[in-house]
C-alpha atoms as a PDB file:
ATOM      1  CA  MET A   1      15.492  25.687 -29.520  1.00  0.00           C
ATOM      2  CA  SER A   2      18.230  23.622 -29.339  1.00  0.00           C
ATOM      3  CA  ARG A   3      17.898  19.787 -27.856  1.00  0.00           C
ATOM      4  CA  THR A   4      20.941  18.261 -26.101  1.00  0.00           C
ATOM      5  CA  ILE A   5      21.187  14.987 -24.994  1.00  0.00           C
ATOM      6  CA  ARG A   6      23.886  14.456 -21.941  1.00  0.00           C
ATOM      7  CA  SER A   7      26.930  11.809 -22.565  1.00  0.00           C
ATOM      8  CA  THR A   8      27.476   9.619 -19.078  1.00  0.00           C
ATOM      9  CA  ALA A   9      31.125  11.883 -18.753  1.00  0.00           C
ATOM     10  CA  ALA A  10      29.076  14.739 -18.679  1.00  0.00           C
ATOM     11  CA  ALA A  11      26.761  13.893 -16.211  1.00  0.00           C
ATOM     12  CA  ALA A  12      29.583  12.645 -13.904  1.00  0.00           C
ATOM     13  CA  ALA A  13      31.558  15.712 -14.197  1.00  0.00           C
ATOM     14  CA  VAL A  14      28.050  17.608 -13.452  1.00  0.00           C
ATOM     15  CA  ALA A  15      27.740  15.444 -10.393  1.00  0.00           C
ATOM     16  CA  ALA A  16      31.277  15.690  -9.031  1.00  0.00           C
ATOM     17  CA  VAL A  17      30.342  19.818  -8.964  1.00  0.00           C
ATOM     18  CA  ALA A  18      27.048  19.492  -7.234  1.00  0.00           C
ATOM     19  CA  VAL A  19      28.326  17.043  -4.534  1.00  0.00           C
ATOM     20  CA  SER A  20      31.129  19.878  -4.284  1.00  0.00           C
ATOM     21  CA  VAL A  21      28.258  22.668  -3.648  1.00  0.00           C
ATOM     22  CA  LEU A  22      26.179  20.732  -1.390  1.00  0.00           C
ATOM     23  CA  ALA A  23      29.101  19.874   0.653  1.00  0.00           C
ATOM     24  CA  GLY A  24      29.635  23.642   1.014  1.00  0.00           C
ATOM     25  CA  CYS A  25      26.246  24.723   0.837  1.00  0.00           C
ATOM     26  CA  GLN A  26      27.107  26.852  -1.454  1.00  0.00           C
ATOM     27  CA  THR A  27      24.941  29.137  -4.305  1.00  0.00           C
ATOM     28  CA  LEU A  28      26.375  29.212  -7.848  1.00  0.00           C
ATOM     29  CA  PRO A  29      25.417  31.510 -10.022  1.00  0.00           C
ATOM     30  CA  SER A  30      22.695  30.611 -12.821  1.00  0.00           C
ATOM     31  CA  ALA A  31      23.554  29.590 -16.399  1.00  0.00           C
ATOM     32  CA  SER A  32      21.649  33.421 -16.789  1.00  0.00           C
ATOM     33  CA  SER A  33      22.771  36.388 -15.036  1.00  0.00           C
ATOM     34  CA  GLY A  34      22.116  40.004 -15.194  1.00  0.00           C
ATOM     35  CA  GLY A  35      19.799  42.072 -13.414  1.00  0.00           C
ATOM     36  CA  GLU A  36      17.411  41.960 -16.369  1.00  0.00           C
ATOM     37  CA  ASP A  37      14.827  39.255 -17.028  1.00  0.00           C
ATOM     38  CA  PRO A  38      16.959  36.858 -19.958  1.00  0.00           C
ATOM     39  CA  THR A  39      14.768  35.950 -22.903  1.00  0.00           C
ATOM     40  CA  ASN A  40      17.059  33.224 -23.048  1.00  0.00           C
ATOM     41  CA  VAL A  41      16.805  30.288 -20.688  1.00  0.00           C
ATOM     42  CA  SER A  42      18.068  26.555 -20.293  1.00  0.00           C
ATOM     43  CA  ILE A  43      15.723  23.964 -18.819  1.00  0.00           C
ATOM     44  CA  MET A  44      17.377  20.149 -17.980  1.00  0.00           C
ATOM     45  CA  VAL A  45      14.655  17.425 -18.242  1.00  0.00           C
ATOM     46  CA  GLY A  46      14.909  14.286 -16.910  1.00  0.00           C
ATOM     47  CA  GLY A  47      13.974  12.477 -19.978  1.00  0.00           C
ATOM     48  CA  LEU A  48      12.745  14.617 -22.818  1.00  0.00           C
ATOM     49  CA  ASP A  49      10.773  11.665 -24.629  1.00  0.00           C
ATOM     50  CA  LYS A  50       9.054  10.481 -21.170  1.00  0.00           C
ATOM     51  CA  VAL A  51       5.606  11.246 -21.246  1.00  0.00           C
ATOM     52  CA  ILE A  52       5.119  12.535 -17.982  1.00  0.00           C
ATOM     53  CA  TYR A  53       7.588  15.341 -19.211  1.00  0.00           C
ATOM     54  CA  LEU A  54       5.911  15.731 -21.827  1.00  0.00           C
ATOM     55  CA  PRO A  55       5.037  19.753 -21.626  1.00  0.00           C
ATOM     56  CA  ALA A  56       8.747  20.501 -22.036  1.00  0.00           C
ATOM     57  CA  GLU A  57       9.085  19.561 -25.586  1.00  0.00           C
ATOM     58  CA  LEU A  58       5.152  20.051 -26.392  1.00  0.00           C
ATOM     59  CA  THR A  59       5.560  23.801 -24.910  1.00  0.00           C
ATOM     60  CA  ASP A  60       8.598  24.167 -27.632  1.00  0.00           C
ATOM     61  CA  ARG A  61       6.971  22.134 -30.582  1.00  0.00           C
ATOM     62  CA  LEU A  62       3.321  24.346 -30.295  1.00  0.00           C
ATOM     63  CA  GLY A  63       5.363  27.778 -29.870  1.00  0.00           C
ATOM     64  CA  TYR A  64       4.384  29.339 -27.093  1.00  0.00           C
ATOM     65  CA  PHE A  65       7.730  29.954 -25.621  1.00  0.00           C
ATOM     66  CA  LYS A  66       8.444  32.034 -28.999  1.00  0.00           C
ATOM     67  CA  GLU A  67       4.770  33.774 -28.312  1.00  0.00           C
ATOM     68  CA  GLN A  68       6.117  34.541 -25.047  1.00  0.00           C
ATOM     69  CA  GLY A  69       9.245  36.176 -26.410  1.00  0.00           C
ATOM     70  CA  LEU A  70      11.893  33.541 -24.855  1.00  0.00           C
ATOM     71  CA  THR A  71      14.341  31.473 -26.759  1.00  0.00           C
ATOM     72  CA  VAL A  72      14.676  28.054 -24.523  1.00  0.00           C
ATOM     73  CA  ASP A  73      17.305  25.400 -24.899  1.00  0.00           C
ATOM     74  CA  LEU A  74      15.934  22.090 -23.861  1.00  0.00           C
ATOM     75  CA  GLN A  75      18.319  19.819 -22.753  1.00  0.00           C
ATOM     76  CA  SER A  76      18.113  15.924 -21.668  1.00  0.00           C
ATOM     77  CA  GLN A  77      19.634  13.506 -18.637  1.00  0.00           C
ATOM     78  CA  PRO A  78      18.213  10.113 -18.872  1.00  0.00           C
ATOM     79  CA  SER A  79      16.782  10.905 -14.987  1.00  0.00           C
ATOM     80  CA  GLY A  80      15.639  13.323 -12.406  1.00  0.00           C
ATOM     81  CA  ALA A  81      18.552  12.494 -10.184  1.00  0.00           C
ATOM     82  CA  ASN A  82      20.974  13.884 -13.159  1.00  0.00           C
ATOM     83  CA  ALA A  83      19.218  17.125 -13.819  1.00  0.00           C
ATOM     84  CA  GLU A  84      18.687  18.220 -10.292  1.00  0.00           C
ATOM     85  CA  THR A  85      22.719  18.198 -10.010  1.00  0.00           C
ATOM     86  CA  ALA A  86      22.697  20.094 -13.083  1.00  0.00           C
ATOM     87  CA  LEU A  87      20.804  22.690 -11.740  1.00  0.00           C
ATOM     88  CA  VAL A  88      22.864  22.491  -8.361  1.00  0.00           C
ATOM     89  CA  ALA A  89      25.724  22.778 -10.165  1.00  0.00           C
ATOM     90  CA  GLY A  90      24.602  25.842 -11.932  1.00  0.00           C
ATOM     91  CA  GLN A  91      24.593  24.359 -15.341  1.00  0.00           C
ATOM     92  CA  VAL A  92      20.985  25.570 -16.174  1.00  0.00           C
ATOM     93  CA  ASP A  93      18.431  27.944 -15.359  1.00  0.00           C
ATOM     94  CA  GLY A  94      15.747  25.448 -14.590  1.00  0.00           C
ATOM     95  CA  VAL A  95      14.554  21.310 -14.351  1.00  0.00           C
ATOM     96  CA  VAL A  96      11.674  19.567 -15.347  1.00  0.00           C
ATOM     97  CA  GLY A  97      11.540  16.960 -13.053  1.00  0.00           C
ATOM     98  CA  PHE A  98       9.683  15.729 -10.129  1.00  0.00           C
ATOM     99  CA  TYR A  99       8.808  17.946  -6.999  1.00  0.00           C
ATOM    100  CA  ASP A 100      10.056  15.752  -4.218  1.00  0.00           C
ATOM    101  CA  HIS A 101      13.509  17.319  -5.378  1.00  0.00           C
ATOM    102  CA  THR A 102      12.647  20.582  -3.980  1.00  0.00           C
ATOM    103  CA  ILE A 103      12.127  18.501  -0.274  1.00  0.00           C
ATOM    104  CA  ASP A 104      15.701  16.570  -0.518  1.00  0.00           C
ATOM    105  CA  LEU A 105      17.632  19.301  -1.562  1.00  0.00           C
ATOM    106  CA  GLN A 106      16.286  22.286   1.102  1.00  0.00           C
ATOM    107  CA  THR A 107      17.757  19.442   3.899  1.00  0.00           C
ATOM    108  CA  LYS A 108      20.842  20.123   2.367  1.00  0.00           C
ATOM    109  CA  GLY A 109      21.022  24.097   2.336  1.00  0.00           C
ATOM    110  CA  LYS A 110      19.490  24.382  -0.956  1.00  0.00           C
ATOM    111  CA  CYS A 111      16.225  26.608  -1.867  1.00  0.00           C
ATOM    112  CA  ILE A 112      14.801  25.045  -4.685  1.00  0.00           C
ATOM    113  CA  ARG A 113      11.249  26.313  -5.992  1.00  0.00           C
ATOM    114  CA  SER A 114       8.729  24.405  -8.517  1.00  0.00           C
ATOM    115  CA  VAL A 115       7.106  27.473 -10.097  1.00  0.00           C
ATOM    116  CA  VAL A 116       4.852  25.498 -12.533  1.00  0.00           C
ATOM    117  CA  GLN A 117       3.279  22.141 -11.022  1.00  0.00           C
ATOM    118  CA  PHE A 118       2.341  19.835 -14.129  1.00  0.00           C
ATOM    119  CA  ALA A 119       0.527  16.972 -12.354  1.00  0.00           C
ATOM    120  CA  ASN A 120      -0.517  15.835  -8.862  1.00  0.00           C
ATOM    121  CA  VAL A 121       0.154  12.294  -9.332  1.00  0.00           C
ATOM    122  CA  PRO A 122       3.785  10.514 -10.106  1.00  0.00           C
ATOM    123  CA  GLY A 123       2.651   9.376 -13.602  1.00  0.00           C
ATOM    124  CA  GLU A 124       4.516   5.635 -12.621  1.00  0.00           C
ATOM    125  CA  VAL A 125       3.673   2.481 -13.084  1.00  0.00           C
ATOM    126  CA  GLU A 126       5.510  -0.157 -10.949  1.00  0.00           C
ATOM    127  CA  ILE A 127       5.256  -3.233 -13.451  1.00  0.00           C
ATOM    128  CA  VAL A 128       6.215  -7.103 -12.944  1.00  0.00           C
ATOM    129  CA  GLY A 129       7.815  -9.409 -15.217  1.00  0.00           C
ATOM    130  CA  ASN A 130       5.411 -12.541 -16.264  1.00  0.00           C
ATOM    131  CA  ASN A 131       8.093 -15.021 -13.933  1.00  0.00           C
ATOM    132  CA  ALA A 132       8.731 -12.878 -11.325  1.00  0.00           C
ATOM    133  CA  GLY A 133       6.514 -14.499  -8.762  1.00  0.00           C
ATOM    134  CA  ILE A 134       5.305 -10.877  -7.845  1.00  0.00           C
ATOM    135  CA  GLY A 135       1.488 -10.876  -7.007  1.00  0.00           C
ATOM    136  CA  SER A 136       1.851  -7.879  -4.459  1.00  0.00           C
ATOM    137  CA  THR A 137       4.247  -5.339  -2.669  1.00  0.00           C
ATOM    138  CA  ALA A 138       4.260  -7.742  -0.023  1.00  0.00           C
ATOM    139  CA  ASP A 139       6.555  -9.943  -2.604  1.00  0.00           C
ATOM    140  CA  LEU A 140       9.134  -7.882  -3.477  1.00  0.00           C
ATOM    141  CA  THR A 141      11.116  -9.064  -0.826  1.00  0.00           C
ATOM    142  CA  GLY A 142      14.426 -10.801  -2.235  1.00  0.00           C
ATOM    143  CA  LYS A 143      13.807  -9.454  -5.527  1.00  0.00           C
ATOM    144  CA  LYS A 144      15.695  -7.202  -8.368  1.00  0.00           C
ATOM    145  CA  LEU A 145      13.542  -3.890  -8.814  1.00  0.00           C
ATOM    146  CA  GLY A 146      15.034  -1.412 -11.304  1.00  0.00           C
ATOM    147  CA  ILE A 147      15.114   2.675 -10.917  1.00  0.00           C
ATOM    148  CA  THR A 148      16.204   4.670 -12.913  1.00  0.00           C
ATOM    149  CA  SER A 149      18.681   5.946 -10.754  1.00  0.00           C
ATOM    150  CA  PRO A 150      20.405   5.974  -7.751  1.00  0.00           C
ATOM    151  CA  GLY A 151      18.466   8.938  -5.853  1.00  0.00           C
ATOM    152  CA  SER A 152      15.834   9.397  -8.602  1.00  0.00           C
ATOM    153  CA  SER A 153      11.945   9.905  -7.869  1.00  0.00           C
ATOM    154  CA  THR A 154      11.822   5.909  -8.715  1.00  0.00           C
ATOM    155  CA  ASP A 155      14.323   5.369  -5.938  1.00  0.00           C
ATOM    156  CA  PHE A 156      12.589   7.048  -3.449  1.00  0.00           C
ATOM    157  CA  LEU A 157       9.422   5.681  -4.140  1.00  0.00           C
ATOM    158  CA  THR A 158      10.507   2.789  -4.593  1.00  0.00           C
ATOM    159  CA  GLN A 159      11.884   2.711  -1.191  1.00  0.00           C
ATOM    160  CA  TYR A 160       8.433   3.847   0.114  1.00  0.00           C
ATOM    161  CA  LEU A 161       6.401   1.443  -1.105  1.00  0.00           C
ATOM    162  CA  ALA A 162       9.120  -1.599  -0.458  1.00  0.00           C
ATOM    163  CA  GLY A 163       9.205  -0.051   3.042  1.00  0.00           C
ATOM    164  CA  LYS A 164       5.435   0.110   3.756  1.00  0.00           C
ATOM    165  CA  ALA A 165       5.145  -3.599   2.515  1.00  0.00           C
ATOM    166  CA  GLY A 166       7.846  -4.679   5.328  1.00  0.00           C
ATOM    167  CA  ALA A 167      10.430  -4.874   3.301  1.00  0.00           C
ATOM    168  CA  THR A 168      14.130  -2.973   4.614  1.00  0.00           C
ATOM    169  CA  THR A 169      16.393  -1.277   1.699  1.00  0.00           C
ATOM    170  CA  ASP A 170      19.018  -4.255   2.554  1.00  0.00           C
ATOM    171  CA  ALA A 171      16.135  -6.518   1.392  1.00  0.00           C
ATOM    172  CA  TYR A 172      15.830  -6.358  -2.050  1.00  0.00           C
ATOM    173  CA  THR A 173      18.273  -5.276  -4.834  1.00  0.00           C
ATOM    174  CA  THR A 174      17.522  -1.636  -6.636  1.00  0.00           C
ATOM    175  CA  VAL A 175      18.849  -1.997 -10.038  1.00  0.00           C
ATOM    176  CA  THR A 176      19.350   0.799 -12.241  1.00  0.00           C
ATOM    177  CA  ALA A 177      17.405   0.013 -15.677  1.00  0.00           C
ATOM    178  CA  GLY A 178      17.152   3.579 -17.186  1.00  0.00           C
ATOM    179  CA  ALA A 179      13.807   3.583 -18.731  1.00  0.00           C
ATOM    180  CA  GLY A 180      12.669   2.541 -22.501  1.00  0.00           C
ATOM    181  CA  ALA A 181      15.007  -0.419 -24.322  1.00  0.00           C
ATOM    182  CA  THR A 182      17.178  -0.794 -21.080  1.00  0.00           C
ATOM    183  CA  PHE A 183      14.602  -1.087 -19.398  1.00  0.00           C
ATOM    184  CA  ILE A 184      12.572  -3.711 -21.438  1.00  0.00           C
ATOM    185  CA  ALA A 185      15.587  -5.825 -21.499  1.00  0.00           C
ATOM    186  CA  ALA A 186      16.103  -5.775 -18.476  1.00  0.00           C
ATOM    187  CA  LEU A 187      12.950  -7.100 -17.138  1.00  0.00           C
ATOM    188  CA  GLU A 188      12.870  -9.180 -20.288  1.00  0.00           C
ATOM    189  CA  ASN A 189      15.880 -11.213 -19.642  1.00  0.00           C
ATOM    190  CA  GLY A 190      15.546 -11.095 -15.916  1.00  0.00           C
ATOM    191  CA  GLY A 191      18.063  -8.463 -15.358  1.00  0.00           C
ATOM    192  CA  ILE A 192      15.088  -6.908 -12.994  1.00  0.00           C
ATOM    193  CA  ASP A 193      11.887  -8.622 -11.510  1.00  0.00           C
ATOM    194  CA  ALA A 194       9.927  -5.546 -11.715  1.00  0.00           C
ATOM    195  CA  GLY A 195      10.664  -1.901 -11.461  1.00  0.00           C
ATOM    196  CA  MET A 196       8.981   1.791 -11.673  1.00  0.00           C
ATOM    197  CA  THR A 197       8.957   3.654 -15.426  1.00  0.00           C
ATOM    198  CA  THR A 198       6.777   5.553 -17.088  1.00  0.00           C
ATOM    199  CA  ASP A 199       5.478   6.063 -20.679  1.00  0.00           C
ATOM    200  CA  PRO A 200       6.427   5.212 -23.160  1.00  0.00           C
ATOM    201  CA  THR A 201       8.040   2.714 -21.617  1.00  0.00           C
ATOM    202  CA  ALA A 202       4.624   1.008 -20.136  1.00  0.00           C
ATOM    203  CA  GLN A 203       2.518   0.806 -23.211  1.00  0.00           C
ATOM    204  CA  GLN A 204       5.361  -0.847 -24.821  1.00  0.00           C
ATOM    205  CA  ILE A 205       5.138  -3.266 -22.094  1.00  0.00           C
ATOM    206  CA  LYS A 206       1.935  -3.900 -22.074  1.00  0.00           C
ATOM    207  CA  GLU A 207       1.803  -4.592 -26.223  1.00  0.00           C
ATOM    208  CA  LYS A 208       4.914  -6.865 -26.108  1.00  0.00           C
ATOM    209  CA  GLY A 209       3.327  -8.810 -23.030  1.00  0.00           C
ATOM    210  CA  THR A 210       5.876  -8.840 -21.173  1.00  0.00           C
ATOM    211  CA  GLY A 211       4.607  -7.641 -18.012  1.00  0.00           C
ATOM    212  CA  LYS A 212       2.480  -6.532 -15.979  1.00  0.00           C
ATOM    213  CA  ILE A 213       0.596  -3.479 -13.807  1.00  0.00           C
ATOM    214  CA  LEU A 214       1.294  -3.956 -10.250  1.00  0.00           C
ATOM    215  CA  LEU A 215       0.627  -0.377  -8.339  1.00  0.00           C
ATOM    216  CA  ASP A 216      -0.994   2.119 -11.425  1.00  0.00           C
ATOM    217  CA  MET A 217      -0.061   5.563 -10.588  1.00  0.00           C
ATOM    218  CA  ARG A 218      -1.257   7.432 -13.232  1.00  0.00           C
ATOM    219  CA  THR A 219      -4.410   8.306 -11.804  1.00  0.00           C
ATOM    220  CA  GLU A 220      -5.573   9.399  -8.698  1.00  0.00           C
ATOM    221  CA  ASP A 221      -7.032   6.724  -7.031  1.00  0.00           C
ATOM    222  CA  GLY A 222      -4.335   4.389  -8.121  1.00  0.00           C
ATOM    223  CA  THR A 223      -2.037   7.054  -6.254  1.00  0.00           C
ATOM    224  CA  ARG A 224      -3.993   8.052  -3.389  1.00  0.00           C
ATOM    225  CA  ALA A 225      -4.152   3.641  -2.934  1.00  0.00           C
ATOM    226  CA  ALA A 226      -0.270   3.532  -3.534  1.00  0.00           C
ATOM    227  CA  LEU A 227       1.262   6.529  -1.239  1.00  0.00           C
ATOM    228  CA  GLY A 228      -1.855   7.678   1.162  1.00  0.00           C
ATOM    229  CA  GLY A 229      -2.930  10.736  -1.256  1.00  0.00           C
ATOM    230  CA  LEU A 230      -1.884  12.876  -4.184  1.00  0.00           C
ATOM    231  CA  TYR A 231       1.491  12.952  -4.684  1.00  0.00           C
ATOM    232  CA  PRO A 232       2.910  16.118  -6.701  1.00  0.00           C
ATOM    233  CA  ALA A 233       5.182  14.921  -9.050  1.00  0.00           C
ATOM    234  CA  SER A 234       5.930  16.205 -12.665  1.00  0.00           C
ATOM    235  CA  SER A 235       6.996  19.776 -12.790  1.00  0.00           C
ATOM    236  CA  MET A 236       8.843  22.865 -13.210  1.00  0.00           C
ATOM    237  CA  TYR A 237      11.306  24.224 -11.185  1.00  0.00           C
ATOM    238  CA  MET A 238      13.799  26.855 -10.292  1.00  0.00           C
ATOM    239  CA  ASP A 239      16.489  27.826  -7.684  1.00  0.00           C
ATOM    240  CA  CYS A 240      15.201  30.368  -5.475  1.00  0.00           C
ATOM    241  CA  SER A 241      17.866  33.126  -6.564  1.00  0.00           C
ATOM    242  CA  TYR A 242      16.603  32.835  -9.756  1.00  0.00           C
ATOM    243  CA  VAL A 243      12.946  33.004  -9.354  1.00  0.00           C
ATOM    244  CA  ASP A 244      13.738  35.840  -7.506  1.00  0.00           C
ATOM    245  CA  ALA A 245      15.660  37.845  -9.601  1.00  0.00           C
ATOM    246  CA  HIS A 246      13.880  37.319 -12.447  1.00  0.00           C
ATOM    247  CA  PRO A 247      10.302  37.192 -12.144  1.00  0.00           C
ATOM    248  CA  GLY A 248       9.116  38.066 -15.547  1.00  0.00           C
ATOM    249  CA  THR A 249      11.002  35.395 -17.398  1.00  0.00           C
ATOM    250  CA  VAL A 250       9.526  32.733 -14.468  1.00  0.00           C
ATOM    251  CA  GLN A 251       5.903  34.478 -15.183  1.00  0.00           C
ATOM    252  CA  LYS A 252       6.345  34.025 -19.350  1.00  0.00           C
ATOM    253  CA  LEU A 253       7.538  30.357 -18.438  1.00  0.00           C
ATOM    254  CA  ALA A 254       4.560  29.909 -16.516  1.00  0.00           C
ATOM    255  CA  ASN A 255       2.082  31.258 -19.090  1.00  0.00           C
ATOM    256  CA  ALA A 256       3.573  28.878 -22.193  1.00  0.00           C
ATOM    257  CA  PHE A 257       3.416  26.012 -19.824  1.00  0.00           C
ATOM    258  CA  VAL A 258       0.065  26.437 -18.330  1.00  0.00           C
ATOM    259  CA  LYS A 259      -0.979  26.668 -22.157  1.00  0.00           C
ATOM    260  CA  THR A 260       0.201  23.806 -22.815  1.00  0.00           C
ATOM    261  CA  LEU A 261      -1.448  21.861 -20.131  1.00  0.00           C
ATOM    262  CA  GLY A 262      -4.829  23.225 -21.384  1.00  0.00           C
ATOM    263  CA  TYR A 263      -3.538  22.168 -24.866  1.00  0.00           C
ATOM    264  CA  ILE A 264      -3.091  18.263 -23.070  1.00  0.00           C
ATOM    265  CA  LYS A 265      -6.332  18.355 -21.560  1.00  0.00           C
ATOM    266  CA  SER A 266      -8.273  19.239 -24.975  1.00  0.00           C
ATOM    267  CA  HIS A 267      -6.598  17.119 -27.922  1.00  0.00           C
ATOM    268  CA  SER A 268      -6.657  13.024 -27.959  1.00  0.00           C
ATOM    269  CA  GLY A 269      -3.145  10.648 -27.823  1.00  0.00           C
ATOM    270  CA  ALA A 270      -3.483  10.613 -31.901  1.00  0.00           C
ATOM    271  CA  GLU A 271      -3.317  15.100 -31.770  1.00  0.00           C
ATOM    272  CA  ILE A 272      -0.349  15.876 -29.271  1.00  0.00           C
ATOM    273  CA  ALA A 273       1.714  12.996 -30.887  1.00  0.00           C
ATOM    274  CA  ALA A 274       1.304  14.353 -34.636  1.00  0.00           C
ATOM    275  CA  GLN A 275       2.924  17.909 -32.699  1.00  0.00           C
ATOM    276  CA  MET A 276       6.060  15.728 -31.352  1.00  0.00           C
ATOM    277  CA  PRO A 277       9.412  14.515 -32.841  1.00  0.00           C
ATOM    278  CA  ALA A 278       9.138  11.873 -35.275  1.00  0.00           C
ATOM    279  CA  ASP A 279      12.103   9.706 -33.109  1.00  0.00           C
ATOM    280  CA  TYR A 280       9.922   9.834 -30.294  1.00  0.00           C
ATOM    281  CA  ALA A 281       7.275   7.627 -32.246  1.00  0.00           C
ATOM    282  CA  ALA A 282       9.982   5.611 -33.451  1.00  0.00           C
ATOM    283  CA  GLY A 283      11.761   4.910 -30.573  1.00  0.00           C
ATOM    284  CA  SER A 284       8.191   3.939 -28.666  1.00  0.00           C
ATOM    285  CA  GLY A 285       7.165   0.951 -31.188  1.00  0.00           C
ATOM    286  CA  GLY A 286       5.277   3.644 -33.940  1.00  0.00           C
ATOM    287  CA  VAL A 287       2.587   6.654 -33.703  1.00  0.00           C
ATOM    288  CA  PRO A 288      -0.131   4.093 -33.001  1.00  0.00           C
ATOM    289  CA  SER A 289       1.723   3.085 -29.958  1.00  0.00           C
ATOM    290  CA  TYR A 290       3.142   6.187 -28.815  1.00  0.00           C
ATOM    291  CA  ALA A 291      -0.471   7.677 -29.589  1.00  0.00           C
ATOM    292  CA  ALA A 292      -1.922   5.441 -26.999  1.00  0.00           C
ATOM    293  CA  ALA A 293       0.999   5.538 -24.635  1.00  0.00           C
ATOM    294  CA  ILE A 294       0.279   9.395 -23.783  1.00  0.00           C
ATOM    295  CA  ASP A 295      -3.819   8.736 -23.936  1.00  0.00           C
ATOM    296  CA  ALA A 296      -2.967   6.212 -20.890  1.00  0.00           C
ATOM    297  CA  SER A 297      -1.237   9.008 -19.023  1.00  0.00           C
ATOM    298  CA  LYS A 298      -2.071  12.011 -19.898  1.00  0.00           C
ATOM    299  CA  GLY A 299      -4.806  12.362 -17.401  1.00  0.00           C
ATOM    300  CA  MET A 300      -2.148  13.178 -15.097  1.00  0.00           C
ATOM    301  CA  PHE A 301      -1.652  16.754 -16.270  1.00  0.00           C
ATOM    302  CA  ASN A 302      -3.500  19.295 -13.885  1.00  0.00           C
ATOM    303  CA  SER A 303      -4.845  22.265 -16.713  1.00  0.00           C
ATOM    304  CA  THR A 304      -3.446  25.660 -14.291  1.00  0.00           C
ATOM    305  CA  GLY A 305       0.213  24.499 -12.925  1.00  0.00           C
ATOM    306  CA  VAL A 306      -1.006  25.323  -9.554  1.00  0.00           C
ATOM    307  CA  MET A 307       0.445  23.014  -6.998  1.00  0.00           C
ATOM    308  CA  ASP A 308      -2.321  20.742  -4.573  1.00  0.00           C
ATOM    309  CA  ALA A 309      -0.645  21.873  -0.950  1.00  0.00           C
ATOM    310  CA  GLU A 310      -2.374  19.005   0.526  1.00  0.00           C
ATOM    311  CA  GLY A 311      -0.276  16.924  -2.239  1.00  0.00           C
ATOM    312  CA  ALA A 312       2.962  18.644  -1.200  1.00  0.00           C
ATOM    313  CA  LYS A 313       2.444  17.576   2.607  1.00  0.00           C
ATOM    314  CA  ASN A 314       1.706  14.240   1.730  1.00  0.00           C
ATOM    315  CA  VAL A 315       5.451  14.618  -0.771  1.00  0.00           C
ATOM    316  CA  LEU A 316       6.829  15.301   2.442  1.00  0.00           C
ATOM    317  CA  GLN A 317       5.295  12.508   5.030  1.00  0.00           C
ATOM    318  CA  VAL A 318       6.848  10.392   2.550  1.00  0.00           C
ATOM    319  CA  LEU A 319       9.729  11.179   2.163  1.00  0.00           C
ATOM    320  CA  SER A 320      10.126  11.353   5.794  1.00  0.00           C
ATOM    321  CA  GLN A 321       9.457   7.657   5.877  1.00  0.00           C
ATOM    322  CA  PHE A 322      12.272   6.806   4.100  1.00  0.00           C
ATOM    323  CA  ASN A 323      14.457   9.191   2.477  1.00  0.00           C
ATOM    324  CA  PRO A 324      17.860   9.672   4.916  1.00  0.00           C
ATOM    325  CA  ASN A 325      17.737  13.007   4.179  1.00  0.00           C
ATOM    326  CA  VAL A 326      14.205  14.243   5.486  1.00  0.00           C
ATOM    327  CA  LYS A 327      13.780  11.344   7.797  1.00  0.00           C
ATOM    328  CA  GLY A 328      13.760  12.826  11.487  1.00  0.00           C
ATOM    329  CA  LYS A 329      13.517  16.408   9.254  1.00  0.00           C
ATOM    330  CA  ALA A 330      10.155  17.118   8.726  1.00  0.00           C
ATOM    331  CA  ASP A 331       9.320  19.234  10.743  1.00  0.00           C
ATOM    332  CA  SER A 332      11.969  22.058   9.832  1.00  0.00           C
ATOM    333  CA  VAL A 333      11.488  21.408   6.180  1.00  0.00           C
ATOM    334  CA  ASP A 334       9.685  24.405   5.396  1.00  0.00           C
ATOM    335  CA  LEU A 335       7.089  23.909   2.208  1.00  0.00           C
ATOM    336  CA  ALA A 336       6.365  27.346   1.402  1.00  0.00           C
ATOM    337  CA  LYS A 337       9.626  27.945   0.175  1.00  0.00           C
ATOM    338  CA  THR A 338       9.733  24.244  -2.158  1.00  0.00           C
ATOM    339  CA  TYR A 339       6.914  25.496  -4.033  1.00  0.00           C
ATOM    340  CA  THR A 340       5.264  29.207  -5.350  1.00  0.00           C
ATOM    341  CA  THR A 341       2.055  29.268  -6.760  1.00  0.00           C
ATOM    342  CA  ASP A 342       2.103  32.597  -7.573  1.00  0.00           C
ATOM    343  CA  PHE A 343       2.554  32.866 -11.553  1.00  0.00           C
ATOM    344  CA  THR A 344       0.303  29.902 -12.114  1.00  0.00           C
ATOM    345  CA  THR A 345      -2.510  31.911  -9.873  1.00  0.00           C
ATOM    346  CA  LYS A 346      -1.793  35.286 -12.506  1.00  0.00           C
ATOM    347  CA  VAL A 347      -2.023  32.842 -15.938  1.00  0.00           C
ATOM    348  CA  ALA A 348      -5.049  31.564 -14.054  1.00  0.00           C
ATOM    349  CA  ARG A 349      -6.756  34.724 -13.861  1.00  0.00           C
ATOM    350  CA  SER A 350      -5.799  36.280 -17.032  1.00  0.00           C
END
């Protein structure tokens, strides 16, 4: 397995191709093609070192892809929006990212399907600076709010939460703050007043004492309180044409990922951290901090990889309230085409 970090220039090039594809509602060939089920698969991850996407790297480190006879090239982009554009442009076979992109893309004429649902909650937190004067979402008006990138799921959720509190998009400023060190620096130097992020970034801020959690969507209770229901998020999604053409490969991916989800449920943060690349812990404040970050978020993962149907409906409901691509089109969205449980239920029965 190779790990690739895409440069900003490369990301821009991919995005340009994706825009042209969406504009014409074209379908580019996937990175893997041919009649037989391929054994080489390329997967773009919206941040390999993010705990919300932990199953991607962990599956490889545990050797579960290899057990299935697959060679998987895991690539990394700084956000889910960038990973999405790589898939739309035909640069990769699949994405580990948020499920809500499948709905957004369907309104643009693209059929993208979640084949393994890692989590039924976002795993995100809205964290505020100590001196930002924010005590509730009602205080977000006039503030600078950090997101990973425009069009990302952190952007989607920020718009929804601010809108729910009565703030229109022109009543606050969104700032591309990324994650990790860039997000932390932005919070500390006043570049943002608050922002949406994940572990291990949230854990580092907690340990440094430079911010506090306003909304915690790493748990079912916190997600229901913030979003009115479950919000299936971290997933493995692929172009529908790939899923239909290569069911054998998709089943092997599902087998591997679901086995990893079981491993996460039965092992501690420290045990999981020990399996991961050393630089993940080094960039997260050290092994104890990284292990604590995993423990804080690992409850978000389900053990079956099966989509929660009511949760999928709630994602559509949330997006339909603010996403310009979905607003007014909710009745025309076919949720059955945005995910499948065919592969994960076969794993559960095996």
